[in-house]
Amino acid sequence: MDIMKWVFRGCAALTIVAISVIGFFIIFNGLSFFTHTSLWSFLTGQYWLPSGEIFGIFPMLVSSFFATLGSVTIGILIGVSTAIVLVELLPAKLASILSKMIDLLAGIPSVIYGFFGLMVIVPLIKNNLGGSGLSLLAVIIILTFMILPTIIRMTEVSLKAVPREYKEGAYALGATRLQYIFKVQLRSAKSGIIAGIMLAIGRALGETMAVMLVAGNAVIIPENILSAVRTVTANIAMEMSYASGVHEQALFATGLVLFAIIIGINILMQWIVRRLDRG
C-alpha cells in the first residue's frame, strides 16, 4: 500500500514537473520578443508580415475565439443531450453499444478529421452556401466532431454517478422524468459536466492539423462564417519549421499568449464550479 502511494505521488510530481518545464520553456523563449514589439501592439495588431517584422495576432485570436465558441456551443447542446439519452432514455444494451461507438471517435487521428473535412465538409459548404468552402464554418463543424466524444463521455459518467436516492426521492415527490433530469440530475452532475466542457475547450482551442486543412489560412478578421481564417495554433504549426530570429521569437510569444489564455480559462471554469457548488 505504501509503495502505491509513492507511485501515485511520483506520477503527480512528474505531471507537475512536465507542465513547469513546458511553461518555463515557452516563457524563456517568448518573453524576449517583447523587446521588439510591445504586448499591446502584438495582441491588437491586424497584420502578420514576418518579412517586414510586423507581428500582430489579433485576426488569429478572433478566429480562434469564434471557432472555439461555435464548436463548444454546438458540442454542449448535442453532447449533453446525447448523454441524457444514453443514460436515461435508451435500453441499457443499446446505450452500451452506442457509447462504445462514440468512444471510437476519440481515437481517430486529427489529420483524418481534417481530411474528412477537406473532402466532404468543404465541398458541401462550397456547393450549397458559396465561397471556397475553406472557412470558419468548416472549422466549427470539424471541431464539433472532435470534441463531442469528450463532452458526451464526461457528461455520461457524471449523470451515472448521481445517487439513485435522488431519483427515487424526486419521483416520490411527484416529479416527471424530464423534471428529474433537468432539475435534479443535471444540477447534481454539474461539476463533471463543466470539467468535460473545460477539456473540450482545450481541445478546440489547441487543435492544429485538422484546422489547417479546412480553414483557408487567411490572416484576416472574419467578416462572416464563410470567411477563410487562420487560428493561433495553425499559424505556429505552419511557420515554425522555417522561422528564425525575431520571427521565431514571435511564434514563441504566440504560444505564450495561448498558454496564458488556456490557464485563464481553467481558472475561470474552476471559479464557476466553486460558485455553483456554494449555490
C-alpha atoms as a PDB file:
ATOM      1  CA  MET A   1       0.000   0.000   0.000  1.00  0.00           C
ATOM      2  CA  ASP A   2       2.852   2.375   0.871  1.00  0.00           C
ATOM      3  CA  ILE A   3       4.526   1.565  -2.445  1.00  0.00           C
ATOM      4  CA  MET A   4       1.398   2.515  -4.405  1.00  0.00           C
ATOM      5  CA  LYS A   5       1.141   5.787  -2.517  1.00  0.00           C
ATOM      6  CA  TRP A   6       4.654   6.675  -3.635  1.00  0.00           C
ATOM      7  CA  VAL A   7       3.861   5.583  -7.182  1.00  0.00           C
ATOM      8  CA  PHE A   8       0.832   7.878  -7.289  1.00  0.00           C
ATOM      9  CA  ARG A   9       2.786  10.729  -5.733  1.00  0.00           C
ATOM     10  CA  GLY A  10       5.566  10.195  -8.264  1.00  0.00           C
ATOM     11  CA  CYS A  11       3.086  10.331 -11.156  1.00  0.00           C
ATOM     12  CA  ALA A  12       1.573  13.539  -9.774  1.00  0.00           C
ATOM     13  CA  ALA A  13       5.022  15.068  -9.294  1.00  0.00           C
ATOM     14  CA  LEU A  14       6.033  14.064 -12.834  1.00  0.00           C
ATOM     15  CA  THR A  15       2.973  15.820 -14.227  1.00  0.00           C
ATOM     16  CA  ILE A  16       3.740  18.992 -12.283  1.00  0.00           C
ATOM     17  CA  VAL A  17       7.376  18.923 -13.401  1.00  0.00           C
ATOM     18  CA  ALA A  18       6.389  18.396 -17.049  1.00  0.00           C
ATOM     19  CA  ILE A  19       3.952  21.319 -17.012  1.00  0.00           C
ATOM     20  CA  SER A  20       6.528  23.520 -15.246  1.00  0.00           C
ATOM     21  CA  VAL A  21       9.248  22.674 -17.783  1.00  0.00           C
ATOM     22  CA  ILE A  22       6.939  23.365 -20.726  1.00  0.00           C
ATOM     23  CA  GLY A  23       5.800  26.635 -19.188  1.00  0.00           C
ATOM     24  CA  PHE A  24       9.355  27.750 -18.431  1.00  0.00           C
ATOM     25  CA  PHE A  25      10.498  26.847 -21.953  1.00  0.00           C
ATOM     26  CA  ILE A  26       7.722  28.875 -23.592  1.00  0.00           C
ATOM     27  CA  ILE A  27       8.210  31.851 -21.256  1.00  0.00           C
ATOM     28  CA  PHE A  28      12.005  31.843 -21.681  1.00  0.00           C
ATOM     29  CA  ASN A  29      11.771  31.825 -25.478  1.00  0.00           C
ATOM     30  CA  GLY A  30       8.758  34.099 -25.794  1.00  0.00           C
ATOM     31  CA  LEU A  31       9.445  36.993 -23.435  1.00  0.00           C
ATOM     32  CA  SER A  32      12.460  38.228 -25.387  1.00  0.00           C
ATOM     33  CA  PHE A  33      10.179  39.062 -28.331  1.00  0.00           C
ATOM     34  CA  PHE A  34       8.510  41.866 -26.385  1.00  0.00           C
ATOM     35  CA  THR A  35      11.690  43.924 -26.544  1.00  0.00           C
ATOM     36  CA  HIS A  36      10.944  44.151 -30.277  1.00  0.00           C
ATOM     37  CA  THR A  37       7.144  44.585 -30.181  1.00  0.00           C
ATOM     38  CA  SER A  38       5.027  45.655 -27.235  1.00  0.00           C
ATOM     39  CA  LEU A  39       2.457  43.243 -25.853  1.00  0.00           C
ATOM     40  CA  TRP A  40      -0.381  45.623 -26.728  1.00  0.00           C
ATOM     41  CA  SER A  41       0.771  46.006 -30.343  1.00  0.00           C
ATOM     42  CA  PHE A  42       1.230  42.255 -30.595  1.00  0.00           C
ATOM     43  CA  LEU A  43      -2.273  41.491 -29.320  1.00  0.00           C
ATOM     44  CA  THR A  44      -4.088  44.219 -31.236  1.00  0.00           C
ATOM     45  CA  GLY A  45      -2.050  44.331 -34.448  1.00  0.00           C
ATOM     46  CA  GLN A  46      -4.013  43.321 -37.533  1.00  0.00           C
ATOM     47  CA  TYR A  47      -1.109  42.417 -39.803  1.00  0.00           C
ATOM     48  CA  TRP A  48       1.236  39.424 -39.719  1.00  0.00           C
ATOM     49  CA  LEU A  49       4.133  40.140 -42.089  1.00  0.00           C
ATOM     50  CA  PRO A  50       7.286  38.309 -40.934  1.00  0.00           C
ATOM     51  CA  SER A  51       9.294  39.599 -43.903  1.00  0.00           C
ATOM     52  CA  GLY A  52       8.710  43.155 -42.672  1.00  0.00           C
ATOM     53  CA  GLU A  53       8.998  42.194 -38.984  1.00  0.00           C
ATOM     54  CA  ILE A  54       5.373  43.206 -38.416  1.00  0.00           C
ATOM     55  CA  PHE A  55       3.647  40.865 -35.997  1.00  0.00           C
ATOM     56  CA  GLY A  56       0.004  41.217 -34.977  1.00  0.00           C
ATOM     57  CA  ILE A  57      -2.117  38.267 -33.908  1.00  0.00           C
ATOM     58  CA  PHE A  58      -5.490  39.960 -33.410  1.00  0.00           C
ATOM     59  CA  PRO A  59      -7.132  38.383 -36.524  1.00  0.00           C
ATOM     60  CA  MET A  60      -5.943  34.940 -35.417  1.00  0.00           C
ATOM     61  CA  LEU A  61      -7.172  35.484 -31.863  1.00  0.00           C
ATOM     62  CA  VAL A  62     -10.604  36.477 -33.197  1.00  0.00           C
ATOM     63  CA  SER A  63     -10.691  33.444 -35.492  1.00  0.00           C
ATOM     64  CA  SER A  64      -9.672  31.094 -32.667  1.00  0.00           C
ATOM     65  CA  PHE A  65     -12.285  32.644 -30.373  1.00  0.00           C
ATOM     66  CA  PHE A  66     -15.173  32.246 -32.810  1.00  0.00           C
ATOM     67  CA  ALA A  67     -14.088  28.739 -33.846  1.00  0.00           C
ATOM     68  CA  THR A  68     -13.876  27.617 -30.220  1.00  0.00           C
ATOM     69  CA  LEU A  69     -17.081  29.378 -29.182  1.00  0.00           C
ATOM     70  CA  GLY A  70     -19.077  27.981 -32.097  1.00  0.00           C
ATOM     71  CA  SER A  71     -17.853  24.410 -31.758  1.00  0.00           C
ATOM     72  CA  VAL A  72     -18.175  24.284 -27.954  1.00  0.00           C
ATOM     73  CA  THR A  73     -21.687  25.778 -28.038  1.00  0.00           C
ATOM     74  CA  ILE A  74     -22.883  23.210 -30.572  1.00  0.00           C
ATOM     75  CA  GLY A  75     -20.919  20.474 -28.811  1.00  0.00           C
ATOM     76  CA  ILE A  76     -22.565  21.227 -25.457  1.00  0.00           C
ATOM     77  CA  LEU A  77     -26.071  21.146 -26.935  1.00  0.00           C
ATOM     78  CA  ILE A  78     -25.536  17.899 -28.826  1.00  0.00           C
ATOM     79  CA  GLY A  79     -23.193  16.253 -26.323  1.00  0.00           C
ATOM     80  CA  VAL A  80     -25.247  16.799 -23.174  1.00  0.00           C
ATOM     81  CA  SER A  81     -28.446  15.816 -24.978  1.00  0.00           C
ATOM     82  CA  THR A  82     -26.814  12.636 -26.289  1.00  0.00           C
ATOM     83  CA  ALA A  83     -25.536  11.727 -22.819  1.00  0.00           C
ATOM     84  CA  ILE A  84     -29.024  12.191 -21.343  1.00  0.00           C
ATOM     85  CA  VAL A  85     -30.494   9.889 -23.982  1.00  0.00           C
ATOM     86  CA  LEU A  86     -27.813   7.255 -23.353  1.00  0.00           C
ATOM     87  CA  VAL A  87     -28.238   7.299 -19.579  1.00  0.00           C
ATOM     88  CA  GLU A  88     -31.967   7.819 -19.119  1.00  0.00           C
ATOM     89  CA  LEU A  89     -33.946   7.056 -22.256  1.00  0.00           C
ATOM     90  CA  LEU A  90     -32.366   4.153 -24.155  1.00  0.00           C
ATOM     91  CA  PRO A  91     -32.313   0.474 -23.105  1.00  0.00           C
ATOM     92  CA  ALA A  92     -29.084  -0.408 -21.312  1.00  0.00           C
ATOM     93  CA  LYS A  93     -27.738  -2.777 -24.021  1.00  0.00           C
ATOM     94  CA  LEU A  94     -28.357  -0.333 -26.867  1.00  0.00           C
ATOM     95  CA  ALA A  95     -26.908   2.533 -24.828  1.00  0.00           C
ATOM     96  CA  SER A  96     -23.767   0.472 -24.129  1.00  0.00           C
ATOM     97  CA  ILE A  97     -23.249  -0.256 -27.844  1.00  0.00           C
ATOM     98  CA  LEU A  98     -23.740   3.379 -28.846  1.00  0.00           C
ATOM     99  CA  SER A  99     -21.461   4.559 -26.037  1.00  0.00           C
ATOM    100  CA  LYS A 100     -18.645   2.319 -27.303  1.00  0.00           C
ATOM    101  CA  MET A 101     -19.157   3.619 -30.833  1.00  0.00           C
ATOM    102  CA  ILE A 102     -18.895   7.206 -29.580  1.00  0.00           C
ATOM    103  CA  ASP A 103     -15.677   6.339 -27.755  1.00  0.00           C
ATOM    104  CA  LEU A 104     -14.174   5.276 -31.078  1.00  0.00           C
ATOM    105  CA  LEU A 105     -14.492   8.871 -32.305  1.00  0.00           C
ATOM    106  CA  ALA A 106     -11.969   9.960 -29.676  1.00  0.00           C
ATOM    107  CA  GLY A 107      -9.351   7.620 -31.151  1.00  0.00           C
ATOM    108  CA  ILE A 108      -9.496   8.969 -34.699  1.00  0.00           C
ATOM    109  CA  PRO A 109      -6.331  10.998 -35.531  1.00  0.00           C
ATOM    110  CA  SER A 110      -6.744  14.721 -36.090  1.00  0.00           C
ATOM    111  CA  VAL A 111      -5.465  14.513 -39.648  1.00  0.00           C
ATOM    112  CA  ILE A 112      -8.273  12.078 -40.534  1.00  0.00           C
ATOM    113  CA  TYR A 113     -10.854  14.578 -39.272  1.00  0.00           C
ATOM    114  CA  GLY A 114      -9.140  17.252 -41.327  1.00  0.00           C
ATOM    115  CA  PHE A 115      -9.052  15.049 -44.432  1.00  0.00           C
ATOM    116  CA  PHE A 116     -12.761  14.256 -43.994  1.00  0.00           C
ATOM    117  CA  GLY A 117     -13.478  17.962 -43.660  1.00  0.00           C
ATOM    118  CA  LEU A 118     -11.450  18.788 -46.762  1.00  0.00           C
ATOM    119  CA  MET A 119     -13.051  16.074 -48.896  1.00  0.00           C
ATOM    120  CA  VAL A 120     -16.649  16.225 -47.595  1.00  0.00           C
ATOM    121  CA  ILE A 121     -17.461  19.276 -45.472  1.00  0.00           C
ATOM    122  CA  VAL A 122     -15.639  21.874 -47.595  1.00  0.00           C
ATOM    123  CA  PRO A 123     -17.307  20.803 -50.904  1.00  0.00           C
ATOM    124  CA  LEU A 124     -20.721  20.748 -49.207  1.00  0.00           C
ATOM    125  CA  ILE A 125     -20.257  24.308 -47.965  1.00  0.00           C
ATOM    126  CA  LYS A 126     -18.927  25.449 -51.356  1.00  0.00           C
ATOM    127  CA  ASN A 127     -21.787  23.903 -53.337  1.00  0.00           C
ATOM    128  CA  ASN A 128     -24.605  24.958 -51.010  1.00  0.00           C
ATOM    129  CA  LEU A 129     -23.502  28.210 -49.377  1.00  0.00           C
ATOM    130  CA  GLY A 130     -20.918  29.605 -51.780  1.00  0.00           C
ATOM    131  CA  GLY A 131     -17.356  30.725 -51.347  1.00  0.00           C
ATOM    132  CA  SER A 132     -14.344  28.456 -51.457  1.00  0.00           C
ATOM    133  CA  GLY A 133     -15.664  26.197 -48.694  1.00  0.00           C
ATOM    134  CA  LEU A 134     -12.450  26.709 -46.714  1.00  0.00           C
ATOM    135  CA  SER A 135     -13.991  28.745 -43.948  1.00  0.00           C
ATOM    136  CA  LEU A 136     -14.739  29.396 -40.307  1.00  0.00           C
ATOM    137  CA  LEU A 137     -17.883  27.273 -40.676  1.00  0.00           C
ATOM    138  CA  ALA A 138     -15.836  24.273 -41.805  1.00  0.00           C
ATOM    139  CA  VAL A 139     -13.547  24.729 -38.798  1.00  0.00           C
ATOM    140  CA  ILE A 140     -16.513  24.865 -36.401  1.00  0.00           C
ATOM    141  CA  ILE A 141     -18.060  21.712 -37.872  1.00  0.00           C
ATOM    142  CA  ILE A 142     -14.828  19.710 -37.692  1.00  0.00           C
ATOM    143  CA  LEU A 143     -14.019  20.877 -34.162  1.00  0.00           C
ATOM    144  CA  THR A 144     -17.544  19.955 -33.069  1.00  0.00           C
ATOM    145  CA  PHE A 145     -16.999  16.385 -34.271  1.00  0.00           C
ATOM    146  CA  MET A 146     -13.688  16.261 -32.425  1.00  0.00           C
ATOM    147  CA  ILE A 147     -14.908  17.488 -29.043  1.00  0.00           C
ATOM    148  CA  LEU A 148     -18.201  15.573 -28.941  1.00  0.00           C
ATOM    149  CA  PRO A 149     -16.716  12.331 -27.509  1.00  0.00           C
ATOM    150  CA  THR A 150     -15.177  14.236 -24.607  1.00  0.00           C
ATOM    151  CA  ILE A 151     -18.377  16.079 -23.680  1.00  0.00           C
ATOM    152  CA  ILE A 152     -20.572  13.005 -24.111  1.00  0.00           C
ATOM    153  CA  ARG A 153     -18.329  10.710 -22.071  1.00  0.00           C
ATOM    154  CA  MET A 154     -17.774  13.146 -19.197  1.00  0.00           C
ATOM    155  CA  THR A 155     -21.477  14.011 -19.034  1.00  0.00           C
ATOM    156  CA  GLU A 156     -22.496  10.357 -19.208  1.00  0.00           C
ATOM    157  CA  VAL A 157     -20.170   9.371 -16.361  1.00  0.00           C
ATOM    158  CA  SER A 158     -21.338  12.328 -14.260  1.00  0.00           C
ATOM    159  CA  LEU A 159     -25.020  11.529 -14.790  1.00  0.00           C
ATOM    160  CA  LYS A 160     -24.487   7.884 -13.853  1.00  0.00           C
ATOM    161  CA  ALA A 161     -22.691   8.970 -10.668  1.00  0.00           C
ATOM    162  CA  VAL A 162     -25.779  10.779  -9.335  1.00  0.00           C
ATOM    163  CA  PRO A 163     -27.079   8.687  -6.362  1.00  0.00           C
ATOM    164  CA  ARG A 164     -30.154   6.618  -7.134  1.00  0.00           C
ATOM    165  CA  GLU A 165     -31.786   8.011  -3.990  1.00  0.00           C
ATOM    166  CA  TYR A 166     -32.077  11.381  -5.749  1.00  0.00           C
ATOM    167  CA  LYS A 167     -34.146   9.783  -8.494  1.00  0.00           C
ATOM    168  CA  GLU A 168     -36.349   7.877  -6.083  1.00  0.00           C
ATOM    169  CA  GLY A 169     -36.865  10.966  -3.959  1.00  0.00           C
ATOM    170  CA  ALA A 170     -37.763  13.116  -6.996  1.00  0.00           C
ATOM    171  CA  TYR A 171     -40.290  10.562  -8.238  1.00  0.00           C
ATOM    172  CA  ALA A 172     -41.705  10.217  -4.725  1.00  0.00           C
ATOM    173  CA  LEU A 173     -42.364  13.968  -4.710  1.00  0.00           C
ATOM    174  CA  GLY A 174     -44.261  13.706  -7.998  1.00  0.00           C
ATOM    175  CA  ALA A 175     -41.568  14.814 -10.450  1.00  0.00           C
ATOM    176  CA  THR A 176     -41.759  13.624 -14.035  1.00  0.00           C
ATOM    177  CA  ARG A 177     -38.785  12.051 -15.792  1.00  0.00           C
ATOM    178  CA  LEU A 178     -37.906  15.322 -17.546  1.00  0.00           C
ATOM    179  CA  GLN A 179     -38.254  17.297 -14.323  1.00  0.00           C
ATOM    180  CA  TYR A 180     -35.877  14.880 -12.603  1.00  0.00           C
ATOM    181  CA  ILE A 181     -33.353  15.084 -15.457  1.00  0.00           C
ATOM    182  CA  PHE A 182     -33.261  18.865 -15.780  1.00  0.00           C
ATOM    183  CA  LYS A 183     -33.931  19.964 -12.204  1.00  0.00           C
ATOM    184  CA  VAL A 184     -32.135  17.281 -10.200  1.00  0.00           C
ATOM    185  CA  GLN A 185     -29.783  15.110 -12.238  1.00  0.00           C
ATOM    186  CA  LEU A 186     -28.079  17.780 -14.356  1.00  0.00           C
ATOM    187  CA  ARG A 187     -27.644  20.051 -11.345  1.00  0.00           C
ATOM    188  CA  SER A 188     -26.111  17.263  -9.300  1.00  0.00           C
ATOM    189  CA  ALA A 189     -23.726  16.349 -12.128  1.00  0.00           C
ATOM    190  CA  LYS A 190     -22.719  19.932 -12.972  1.00  0.00           C
ATOM    191  CA  SER A 191     -19.119  19.647 -11.740  1.00  0.00           C
ATOM    192  CA  GLY A 192     -18.349  16.703 -14.019  1.00  0.00           C
ATOM    193  CA  ILE A 193     -20.145  18.279 -16.961  1.00  0.00           C
ATOM    194  CA  ILE A 194     -18.179  21.508 -16.574  1.00  0.00           C
ATOM    195  CA  ALA A 195     -14.960  19.500 -16.359  1.00  0.00           C
ATOM    196  CA  GLY A 196     -15.864  17.915 -19.692  1.00  0.00           C
ATOM    197  CA  ILE A 197     -16.555  21.335 -21.168  1.00  0.00           C
ATOM    198  CA  MET A 198     -13.142  22.546 -19.959  1.00  0.00           C
ATOM    199  CA  LEU A 199     -11.443  19.634 -21.713  1.00  0.00           C
ATOM    200  CA  ALA A 200     -13.468  20.330 -24.851  1.00  0.00           C
ATOM    201  CA  ILE A 201     -12.443  23.995 -24.853  1.00  0.00           C
ATOM    202  CA  GLY A 202      -8.796  22.995 -24.516  1.00  0.00           C
ATOM    203  CA  ARG A 203      -9.136  20.523 -27.384  1.00  0.00           C
ATOM    204  CA  ALA A 204     -10.894  23.016 -29.648  1.00  0.00           C
ATOM    205  CA  LEU A 205      -8.528  25.879 -28.843  1.00  0.00           C
ATOM    206  CA  GLY A 206      -5.402  23.765 -29.257  1.00  0.00           C
ATOM    207  CA  GLU A 207      -6.324  21.779 -32.363  1.00  0.00           C
ATOM    208  CA  THR A 208      -3.957  22.364 -35.255  1.00  0.00           C
ATOM    209  CA  MET A 209      -3.767  19.813 -38.062  1.00  0.00           C
ATOM    210  CA  ALA A 210      -7.467  19.429 -38.809  1.00  0.00           C
ATOM    211  CA  VAL A 211      -7.966  23.198 -38.651  1.00  0.00           C
ATOM    212  CA  MET A 212      -5.083  23.856 -41.058  1.00  0.00           C
ATOM    213  CA  LEU A 213      -6.714  21.663 -43.704  1.00  0.00           C
ATOM    214  CA  VAL A 214     -10.139  23.335 -43.714  1.00  0.00           C
ATOM    215  CA  ALA A 215      -9.625  26.935 -42.537  1.00  0.00           C
ATOM    216  CA  GLY A 216      -8.196  28.557 -45.660  1.00  0.00           C
ATOM    217  CA  ASN A 217      -5.357  30.074 -43.595  1.00  0.00           C
ATOM    218  CA  ALA A 218      -6.030  33.738 -44.381  1.00  0.00           C
ATOM    219  CA  VAL A 219      -4.787  36.173 -41.722  1.00  0.00           C
ATOM    220  CA  ILE A 220      -7.893  38.363 -41.700  1.00  0.00           C
ATOM    221  CA  ILE A 221     -10.669  39.173 -39.277  1.00  0.00           C
ATOM    222  CA  PRO A 222     -13.597  37.001 -40.450  1.00  0.00           C
ATOM    223  CA  GLU A 223     -16.429  39.090 -41.899  1.00  0.00           C
ATOM    224  CA  ASN A 224     -18.868  36.178 -41.747  1.00  0.00           C
ATOM    225  CA  ILE A 225     -18.954  32.458 -41.086  1.00  0.00           C
ATOM    226  CA  LEU A 226     -17.897  31.693 -44.674  1.00  0.00           C
ATOM    227  CA  SER A 227     -14.671  33.713 -44.454  1.00  0.00           C
ATOM    228  CA  ALA A 228     -11.313  31.950 -44.651  1.00  0.00           C
ATOM    229  CA  VAL A 229      -9.434  32.187 -41.345  1.00  0.00           C
ATOM    230  CA  ARG A 230      -6.193  31.238 -39.622  1.00  0.00           C
ATOM    231  CA  THR A 231      -6.137  30.237 -35.973  1.00  0.00           C
ATOM    232  CA  VAL A 232      -3.336  30.872 -33.499  1.00  0.00           C
ATOM    233  CA  THR A 233      -2.253  27.232 -33.337  1.00  0.00           C
ATOM    234  CA  ALA A 234      -2.332  26.797 -37.114  1.00  0.00           C
ATOM    235  CA  ASN A 235      -0.089  29.831 -37.518  1.00  0.00           C
ATOM    236  CA  ILE A 236       2.532  28.377 -35.176  1.00  0.00           C
ATOM    237  CA  ALA A 237       2.470  24.983 -36.901  1.00  0.00           C
ATOM    238  CA  MET A 238       2.696  26.449 -40.399  1.00  0.00           C
ATOM    239  CA  GLU A 239       5.633  28.772 -39.801  1.00  0.00           C
ATOM    240  CA  MET A 240       7.758  27.297 -37.021  1.00  0.00           C
ATOM    241  CA  SER A 241       9.650  24.942 -39.364  1.00  0.00           C
ATOM    242  CA  TYR A 242      11.343  27.777 -41.242  1.00  0.00           C
ATOM    243  CA  ALA A 243      11.176  30.686 -38.773  1.00  0.00           C
ATOM    244  CA  SER A 244      14.320  32.238 -37.317  1.00  0.00           C
ATOM    245  CA  GLY A 245      15.341  35.313 -35.357  1.00  0.00           C
ATOM    246  CA  VAL A 246      12.546  37.701 -34.458  1.00  0.00           C
ATOM    247  CA  HIS A 247      10.061  35.626 -36.442  1.00  0.00           C
ATOM    248  CA  GLU A 248      10.772  32.577 -34.289  1.00  0.00           C
ATOM    249  CA  GLN A 249      10.510  34.681 -31.138  1.00  0.00           C
ATOM    250  CA  ALA A 250       7.124  35.948 -32.331  1.00  0.00           C
ATOM    251  CA  LEU A 251       5.862  32.385 -32.697  1.00  0.00           C
ATOM    252  CA  PHE A 252       7.053  31.530 -29.187  1.00  0.00           C
ATOM    253  CA  ALA A 253       5.309  34.688 -27.955  1.00  0.00           C
ATOM    254  CA  THR A 254       2.151  33.479 -29.701  1.00  0.00           C
ATOM    255  CA  GLY A 255       2.457  30.193 -27.843  1.00  0.00           C
ATOM    256  CA  LEU A 256       2.949  32.113 -24.603  1.00  0.00           C
ATOM    257  CA  VAL A 257      -0.278  34.051 -25.204  1.00  0.00           C
ATOM    258  CA  LEU A 258      -2.132  30.818 -25.971  1.00  0.00           C
ATOM    259  CA  PHE A 259      -0.696  29.215 -22.822  1.00  0.00           C
ATOM    260  CA  ALA A 260      -1.899  32.168 -20.740  1.00  0.00           C
ATOM    261  CA  ILE A 261      -5.378  32.023 -22.324  1.00  0.00           C
ATOM    262  CA  ILE A 262      -5.776  28.321 -21.528  1.00  0.00           C
ATOM    263  CA  ILE A 263      -4.635  28.862 -17.922  1.00  0.00           C
ATOM    264  CA  GLY A 264      -7.075  31.773 -17.633  1.00  0.00           C
ATOM    265  CA  ILE A 265      -9.954  29.658 -18.960  1.00  0.00           C
ATOM    266  CA  ASN A 266      -9.173  26.890 -16.468  1.00  0.00           C
ATOM    267  CA  ILE A 267      -9.073  29.338 -13.560  1.00  0.00           C
ATOM    268  CA  LEU A 268     -12.371  30.883 -14.685  1.00  0.00           C
ATOM    269  CA  MET A 269     -14.087  27.498 -15.014  1.00  0.00           C
ATOM    270  CA  GLN A 270     -12.824  26.404 -11.588  1.00  0.00           C
ATOM    271  CA  TRP A 271     -14.230  29.620 -10.119  1.00  0.00           C
ATOM    272  CA  ILE A 272     -17.568  28.937 -11.797  1.00  0.00           C
ATOM    273  CA  VAL A 273     -17.625  25.391 -10.390  1.00  0.00           C
ATOM    274  CA  ARG A 274     -16.941  26.670  -6.867  1.00  0.00           C
ATOM    275  CA  ARG A 275     -19.690  29.269  -7.202  1.00  0.00           C
ATOM    276  CA  LEU A 276     -22.147  26.649  -8.392  1.00  0.00           C
ATOM    277  CA  ASP A 277     -21.196  24.292  -5.568  1.00  0.00           C
ATOM    278  CA  ARG A 278     -21.749  27.025  -2.977  1.00  0.00           C
ATOM    279  CA  GLY A 279     -25.070  27.842  -4.610  1.00  0.00           C
END
